[in-house]
Amino acid sequence: MYVCFEACKVGFKRRCRPVIGVDGCHLKGVFPRMILVAVSKDGNNSIYPVTWEVVEVENKDTWIWFLELLMKDIEKPRGKGLTLMLDRQKGLLEAFAVVTPNAEIRFCVRHTWANFKLKFGGEAFKENFWKSTRSTTRANFELHMAKIKELSPDVFQYLDSIPPRHWVKYAFSTYSKSDMLLNNICQSFNVVLRDARDKPMITCLKWIRRYVMKRNTRKWDAVQSHEGRFMPYVAKVFQFVSQLASNCNVIPSRLDIWEVDYYHDRYVVNLGERTCSCFRWELTGIPCAHAWACIIKKRLRLEDFVDDFYSKDRYLEA
């Protein structure tokens, strides 16, 4: 049984970032089944349930059926212009190759790390693994991978066999405006479903429908009193970024292209094109610390440089 409500579908298509996490969890009760879910992120970086389905077993065929219906509903033929996050479950990679060959595929790094540490333990590997996956520039990624290679060529070969576009930030596309590395949006939704997983099938699906309805109403009411053009998530990011920006030394230019020294590194910020050589601004749609320093130096409004995906208006429409 496949469920995709019109309101969830239209809200995602019009106002959510084109990023979706997919996952499956077991239902309990007299007739055990699997529930497969597709969850996105709203303008406040919270979960946005899009669709879910109940199947007898999780395999390539059921994932193909789910993905075909999902792509038809959200109007993303062959996954073009869409970022999909997964935990590499049974048959899922094969299903993606059939249904969404044009989508950007990201592997949940926590799941990758869980498999990695079964073969290669140790704090040194752990530190460089996470620094590698969080690298927003190719130079930093290669630096940490070189350290792994010094520790163990076998470990390096294992990680090098996974294409960076699936697990390293510097190789991610920018259209989804998300640097998400973990499939925690699906995990969060699955935790919520825990109260419904032991109920009879129809009762379970009614419970999910009511949960989504109540959640949307609660989110709508909560944001009514919020002032400002953008959601509170942007303010949280700005608070963190402003602390980093205090360590930036800006070299001004008559153009919109600036040089920024940050400790021992140097970055190039282009305010006109909204880019920074650290790649964080393009990846998330929110100015990085280097861009922040330039915007403040030029006495411009920070809000004018944030992607519209995070606006209050788009959030309410979703």
Protein backbone atom coordinates (compact mmCIF):
# COMPACT_ATOMS: atom_id res chain seq x y z
CA MET A 1 0.00 0.00 0.00
CA TYR A 2 1.42 3.35 -1.11
CA VAL A 3 0.37 6.62 0.54
CA CYS A 4 1.13 10.10 -0.77
CA PHE A 5 -1.22 12.89 0.27
CA GLU A 6 -1.76 15.79 -2.12
CA ALA A 7 -0.82 18.41 0.50
CA CYS A 8 2.51 16.72 1.30
CA LYS A 9 3.27 16.20 -2.38
CA VAL A 10 2.49 19.77 -3.46
CA GLY A 11 4.24 21.26 -0.41
CA PHE A 12 7.43 19.38 -1.26
CA LYS A 13 7.38 20.20 -4.98
CA ARG A 14 6.76 23.92 -4.51
CA ARG A 15 8.69 24.90 -1.42
CA CYS A 16 11.09 22.24 -0.08
CA ARG A 17 14.69 21.68 -1.12
CA PRO A 18 14.98 18.80 -3.65
CA VAL A 19 16.55 16.43 -1.13
CA ILE A 20 14.90 13.22 0.08
CA GLY A 21 16.03 10.51 2.46
CA VAL A 22 14.64 7.01 1.98
CA ASP A 23 14.67 4.22 4.54
CA GLY A 24 12.74 1.20 5.77
CA CYS A 25 11.76 -0.11 9.20
CA HIS A 26 9.95 -3.21 10.47
CA LEU A 27 6.34 -3.17 11.60
CA LYS A 28 5.33 -5.42 14.49
CA GLY A 29 2.13 -7.26 15.33
CA VAL A 30 0.38 -10.36 14.01
CA PHE A 31 1.39 -9.74 10.39
CA PRO A 32 4.93 -8.30 10.30
CA ARG A 33 5.60 -6.01 7.36
CA MET A 34 8.07 -3.32 6.27
CA ILE A 35 7.26 0.38 5.99
CA LEU A 36 9.34 2.35 3.49
CA VAL A 37 9.45 6.13 3.94
CA ALA A 38 10.57 9.18 1.95
CA VAL A 39 11.34 12.26 4.06
CA SER A 40 12.60 15.69 3.04
CA LYS A 41 13.67 18.87 4.91
CA ASP A 42 11.61 22.02 5.31
CA GLY A 43 12.85 25.62 5.43
CA ASN A 44 13.70 25.33 9.12
CA ASN A 45 15.83 22.23 8.46
CA SER A 46 13.28 19.96 10.16
CA ILE A 47 11.81 16.75 8.74
CA TYR A 48 9.09 16.94 6.09
CA PRO A 49 7.35 13.56 5.48
CA VAL A 50 6.55 13.17 1.78
CA THR A 51 5.30 9.62 1.30
CA TRP A 52 5.35 6.11 2.78
CA GLU A 53 4.33 2.61 1.79
CA VAL A 54 3.82 -0.79 3.39
CA VAL A 55 5.34 -3.89 1.75
CA GLU A 56 5.70 -7.53 2.71
CA VAL A 57 9.46 -7.57 2.25
CA GLU A 58 12.26 -5.10 1.49
CA ASN A 59 13.96 -5.99 -1.79
CA LYS A 60 14.79 -4.63 -5.22
CA ASP A 61 11.25 -5.08 -6.61
CA THR A 62 9.49 -3.29 -3.74
CA TRP A 63 11.99 -0.43 -3.84
CA ILE A 64 11.51 -0.07 -7.61
CA TRP A 65 7.74 0.07 -7.13
CA PHE A 66 8.11 2.69 -4.38
CA LEU A 67 10.58 4.85 -6.30
CA GLU A 68 8.56 4.74 -9.53
CA LEU A 69 5.46 6.02 -7.74
CA LEU A 70 7.48 8.62 -5.83
CA MET A 71 9.18 10.01 -8.96
CA LYS A 72 5.81 10.23 -10.72
CA ASP A 73 4.23 12.10 -7.79
CA ILE A 74 7.00 14.65 -7.32
CA GLU A 75 7.53 14.97 -11.09
CA LYS A 76 11.22 14.08 -11.14
CA PRO A 77 11.55 11.64 -14.08
CA ARG A 78 14.65 9.47 -13.66
CA GLY A 79 15.49 11.53 -10.56
CA LYS A 80 16.87 14.51 -12.47
CA GLY A 81 17.47 17.50 -10.15
CA LEU A 82 16.97 15.41 -7.01
CA THR A 83 19.33 14.42 -4.18
CA LEU A 84 18.61 11.06 -2.55
CA MET A 85 20.09 9.87 0.75
CA LEU A 86 20.15 6.18 1.67
CA ASP A 87 21.65 3.59 4.01
CA ARG A 88 22.43 1.12 1.21
CA GLN A 89 19.66 -1.32 2.18
CA LYS A 90 18.85 -4.55 0.37
CA GLY A 91 18.13 -3.95 -3.29
CA LEU A 92 18.07 -0.16 -2.93
CA LEU A 93 21.17 0.60 -4.99
CA GLU A 94 19.92 -1.64 -7.79
CA ALA A 95 16.52 0.08 -7.67
CA PHE A 96 18.12 3.51 -7.87
CA ALA A 97 20.11 2.45 -10.94
CA VAL A 98 16.85 1.44 -12.65
CA VAL A 99 14.48 4.23 -11.59
CA THR A 100 16.64 7.27 -10.71
CA PRO A 101 19.90 7.05 -12.71
CA ASN A 102 20.06 10.87 -13.04
CA ALA A 103 19.67 11.64 -9.31
CA GLU A 104 22.52 12.56 -6.98
CA ILE A 105 23.00 9.61 -4.62
CA ARG A 106 24.49 10.15 -1.17
CA PHE A 107 25.35 7.37 1.25
CA CYS A 108 24.59 7.91 4.94
CA VAL A 109 28.08 8.36 6.40
CA ARG A 110 27.08 6.94 9.78
CA HIS A 111 26.10 3.71 8.04
CA THR A 112 29.35 3.75 6.04
CA TRP A 113 31.33 4.32 9.24
CA ALA A 114 29.51 1.43 10.99
CA ASN A 115 30.66 -0.93 8.21
CA PHE A 116 34.12 0.65 8.13
CA LYS A 117 34.89 0.23 11.83
CA LEU A 118 33.98 -3.45 11.73
CA LYS A 119 37.06 -3.93 9.54
CA PHE A 120 39.28 -1.06 10.62
CA GLY A 121 39.07 0.20 14.20
CA GLY A 122 41.11 2.86 15.96
CA GLU A 123 40.86 6.54 16.85
CA ALA A 124 43.33 7.64 14.15
CA PHE A 125 41.17 6.08 11.42
CA LYS A 126 38.01 7.51 12.96
CA GLU A 127 39.39 11.05 13.14
CA ASN A 128 40.65 11.11 9.56
CA PHE A 129 37.56 9.35 8.22
CA TRP A 130 35.23 12.02 9.60
CA LYS A 131 37.56 14.84 8.58
CA SER A 132 37.64 13.39 5.07
CA THR A 133 33.88 13.17 4.69
CA ARG A 134 33.38 16.72 6.05
CA SER A 135 35.95 18.23 3.68
CA THR A 136 34.44 20.97 1.52
CA THR A 137 37.56 21.29 -0.66
CA ARG A 138 39.37 18.63 -2.61
CA ALA A 139 42.72 19.67 -1.12
CA ASN A 140 41.54 19.00 2.45
CA PHE A 141 40.01 15.69 1.42
CA GLU A 142 43.23 14.51 -0.22
CA LEU A 143 45.23 15.65 2.81
CA HIS A 144 43.23 13.48 5.23
CA MET A 145 43.12 10.56 2.80
CA ALA A 146 46.93 10.77 2.53
CA LYS A 147 47.14 10.46 6.33
CA ILE A 148 44.92 7.36 6.17
CA LYS A 149 47.17 5.91 3.46
CA GLU A 150 50.22 6.41 5.71
CA LEU A 151 48.46 4.49 8.48
CA SER A 152 47.23 1.65 6.26
CA PRO A 153 47.17 1.25 2.46
CA ASP A 154 44.35 -1.31 2.85
CA VAL A 155 42.12 1.22 4.62
CA PHE A 156 42.92 3.83 1.98
CA GLN A 157 42.03 1.40 -0.80
CA TYR A 158 38.73 0.53 0.92
CA LEU A 159 37.65 4.20 1.13
CA ASP A 160 39.11 5.12 -2.25
CA SER A 161 36.84 2.51 -3.87
CA ILE A 162 33.77 4.58 -2.83
CA PRO A 163 33.31 7.52 -5.26
CA PRO A 164 33.61 10.86 -3.36
CA ARG A 165 30.35 12.11 -4.87
CA HIS A 166 28.51 9.66 -2.59
CA TRP A 167 30.09 10.58 0.76
CA VAL A 168 32.35 13.69 0.65
CA LYS A 169 31.02 17.26 0.84
CA TYR A 170 33.37 18.78 -1.72
CA ALA A 171 31.97 16.47 -4.43
CA PHE A 172 28.27 17.10 -3.68
CA SER A 173 26.03 18.99 -6.07
CA THR A 174 24.78 22.44 -5.08
CA TYR A 175 21.18 22.48 -6.38
CA SER A 176 19.75 20.81 -3.25
CA LYS A 177 21.33 23.44 -0.92
CA SER A 178 22.11 20.77 1.63
CA ASP A 179 25.39 19.44 3.02
CA MET A 180 23.59 16.54 4.68
CA LEU A 181 25.85 13.56 5.43
CA LEU A 182 23.50 11.51 7.62
CA ASN A 183 20.11 10.00 6.90
CA ASN A 184 18.83 11.22 10.26
CA ILE A 185 15.65 12.69 8.76
CA CYS A 186 14.35 9.18 8.06
CA GLN A 187 15.62 7.89 11.38
CA SER A 188 13.76 10.69 13.18
CA PHE A 189 10.54 9.82 11.37
CA ASN A 190 11.00 6.11 12.09
CA VAL A 191 11.38 6.88 15.81
CA VAL A 192 8.03 8.69 15.70
CA LEU A 193 6.43 5.66 14.01
CA ARG A 194 7.43 3.46 16.94
CA ASP A 195 4.05 4.13 18.60
CA ALA A 196 2.20 2.92 15.48
CA ARG A 197 4.29 -0.08 14.44
CA ASP A 198 2.41 -2.67 16.55
CA LYS A 199 -1.08 -1.60 15.46
CA PRO A 200 -3.26 -3.31 12.81
CA MET A 201 -2.43 -2.12 9.30
CA ILE A 202 -5.30 0.33 8.70
CA THR A 203 -5.05 1.69 12.23
CA CYS A 204 -1.30 2.17 11.74
CA LEU A 205 -1.82 4.15 8.54
CA LYS A 206 -4.54 6.26 10.15
CA TRP A 207 -2.16 7.00 13.02
CA ILE A 208 0.50 8.22 10.56
CA ARG A 209 -2.02 10.39 8.71
CA ARG A 210 -3.12 12.03 11.96
CA TYR A 211 0.45 12.52 13.10
CA VAL A 212 1.38 14.33 9.88
CA MET A 213 -1.77 16.45 10.04
CA LYS A 214 -1.19 17.45 13.68
CA ARG A 215 2.48 18.11 13.05
CA ASN A 216 1.80 20.43 10.12
CA THR A 217 -0.76 22.34 12.19
CA ARG A 218 1.65 22.64 15.12
CA LYS A 219 4.47 23.89 12.88
CA TRP A 220 2.15 26.40 11.18
CA ASP A 221 0.95 27.82 14.52
CA ALA A 222 4.46 27.98 16.00
CA VAL A 223 5.88 30.16 13.22
CA GLN A 224 3.06 32.72 13.12
CA SER A 225 4.68 34.89 15.79
CA HIS A 226 8.16 34.62 14.28
CA GLU A 227 9.44 37.94 12.95
CA GLY A 228 11.87 38.27 10.10
CA ARG A 229 12.16 37.08 6.54
CA PHE A 230 13.96 33.81 7.31
CA MET A 231 13.38 30.88 9.64
CA PRO A 232 15.08 30.54 13.08
CA TYR A 233 17.50 27.94 11.67
CA VAL A 234 19.25 30.70 9.70
CA ALA A 235 19.75 32.74 12.89
CA LYS A 236 21.34 29.71 14.57
CA VAL A 237 23.75 29.27 11.67
CA PHE A 238 24.57 32.99 11.68
CA GLN A 239 25.34 32.88 15.39
CA PHE A 240 27.93 30.14 14.80
CA VAL A 241 29.31 31.70 11.61
CA SER A 242 29.74 35.14 13.20
CA GLN A 243 32.13 33.68 15.79
CA LEU A 244 34.30 32.19 13.04
CA ALA A 245 34.15 35.39 11.01
CA SER A 246 35.83 37.33 13.82
CA ASN A 247 39.06 35.51 12.87
CA CYS A 248 38.84 36.53 9.19
CA ASN A 249 41.03 39.22 7.69
CA VAL A 250 39.34 40.75 4.63
CA ILE A 251 41.40 42.21 1.78
CA PRO A 252 38.97 44.59 0.02
CA SER A 253 38.49 45.09 -3.69
CA ARG A 254 36.57 47.56 -5.82
CA LEU A 255 34.83 44.55 -7.36
CA ASP A 256 32.58 42.04 -5.61
CA ILE A 257 35.50 39.59 -5.46
CA TRP A 258 37.37 39.58 -2.16
CA GLU A 259 40.29 37.74 -0.60
CA VAL A 260 39.89 36.51 2.96
CA ASP A 261 42.68 35.23 5.20
CA TYR A 262 41.52 32.74 7.83
CA TYR A 263 44.42 31.63 10.01
CA HIS A 264 46.84 29.93 7.57
CA ASP A 265 44.34 29.59 4.70
CA ARG A 266 43.22 32.04 2.03
CA TYR A 267 39.79 32.06 0.38
CA VAL A 268 38.20 33.94 -2.52
CA VAL A 269 34.65 35.28 -2.02
CA ASN A 270 32.49 36.43 -4.93
CA LEU A 271 29.48 38.29 -3.54
CA GLY A 272 27.91 38.76 -6.97
CA GLU A 273 27.88 35.05 -7.75
CA ARG A 274 27.39 34.02 -4.10
CA THR A 275 30.41 31.74 -4.03
CA CYS A 276 33.38 31.09 -1.78
CA SER A 277 36.35 28.87 -2.53
CA CYS A 278 35.62 26.99 0.73
CA PHE A 279 32.43 25.76 -1.07
CA ARG A 280 30.20 25.97 2.03
CA TRP A 281 28.11 28.89 0.75
CA GLU A 282 27.20 27.17 -2.53
CA LEU A 283 26.54 23.90 -0.74
CA THR A 284 24.07 25.20 1.87
CA GLY A 285 22.74 28.49 0.47
CA ILE A 286 23.75 30.31 3.69
CA PRO A 287 26.85 32.57 3.74
CA CYS A 288 29.97 30.99 5.25
CA ALA A 289 32.25 32.78 7.71
CA HIS A 290 34.43 34.21 4.92
CA ALA A 291 31.41 35.57 3.04
CA TRP A 292 29.97 36.91 6.32
CA ALA A 293 33.14 38.94 6.92
CA CYS A 294 32.94 40.45 3.42
CA ILE A 295 29.23 41.27 3.69
CA ILE A 296 29.73 43.00 7.03
CA LYS A 297 32.79 44.84 5.70
CA LYS A 298 30.73 46.18 2.81
CA ARG A 299 27.86 47.04 5.18
CA LEU A 300 25.29 45.01 3.26
CA ARG A 301 22.29 43.11 4.62
CA LEU A 302 23.05 39.48 5.41
CA GLU A 303 19.48 38.43 4.58
CA ASP A 304 19.99 39.42 0.95
CA PHE A 305 22.56 36.64 0.55
CA VAL A 306 20.55 33.71 1.98
CA ASP A 307 18.81 31.27 -0.37
CA ASP A 308 15.04 31.65 -0.53
CA PHE A 309 14.56 27.99 0.48
CA TYR A 310 14.91 29.14 4.11
CA SER A 311 12.34 31.95 3.95
CA LYS A 312 9.30 32.08 6.20
CA ASP A 313 6.97 32.48 3.21
CA ARG A 314 8.19 29.26 1.56
CA TYR A 315 8.05 27.43 4.89
CA LEU A 316 4.39 28.39 5.39
CA GLU A 317 3.50 27.42 1.83
CA ALA A 318 5.07 23.98 2.36
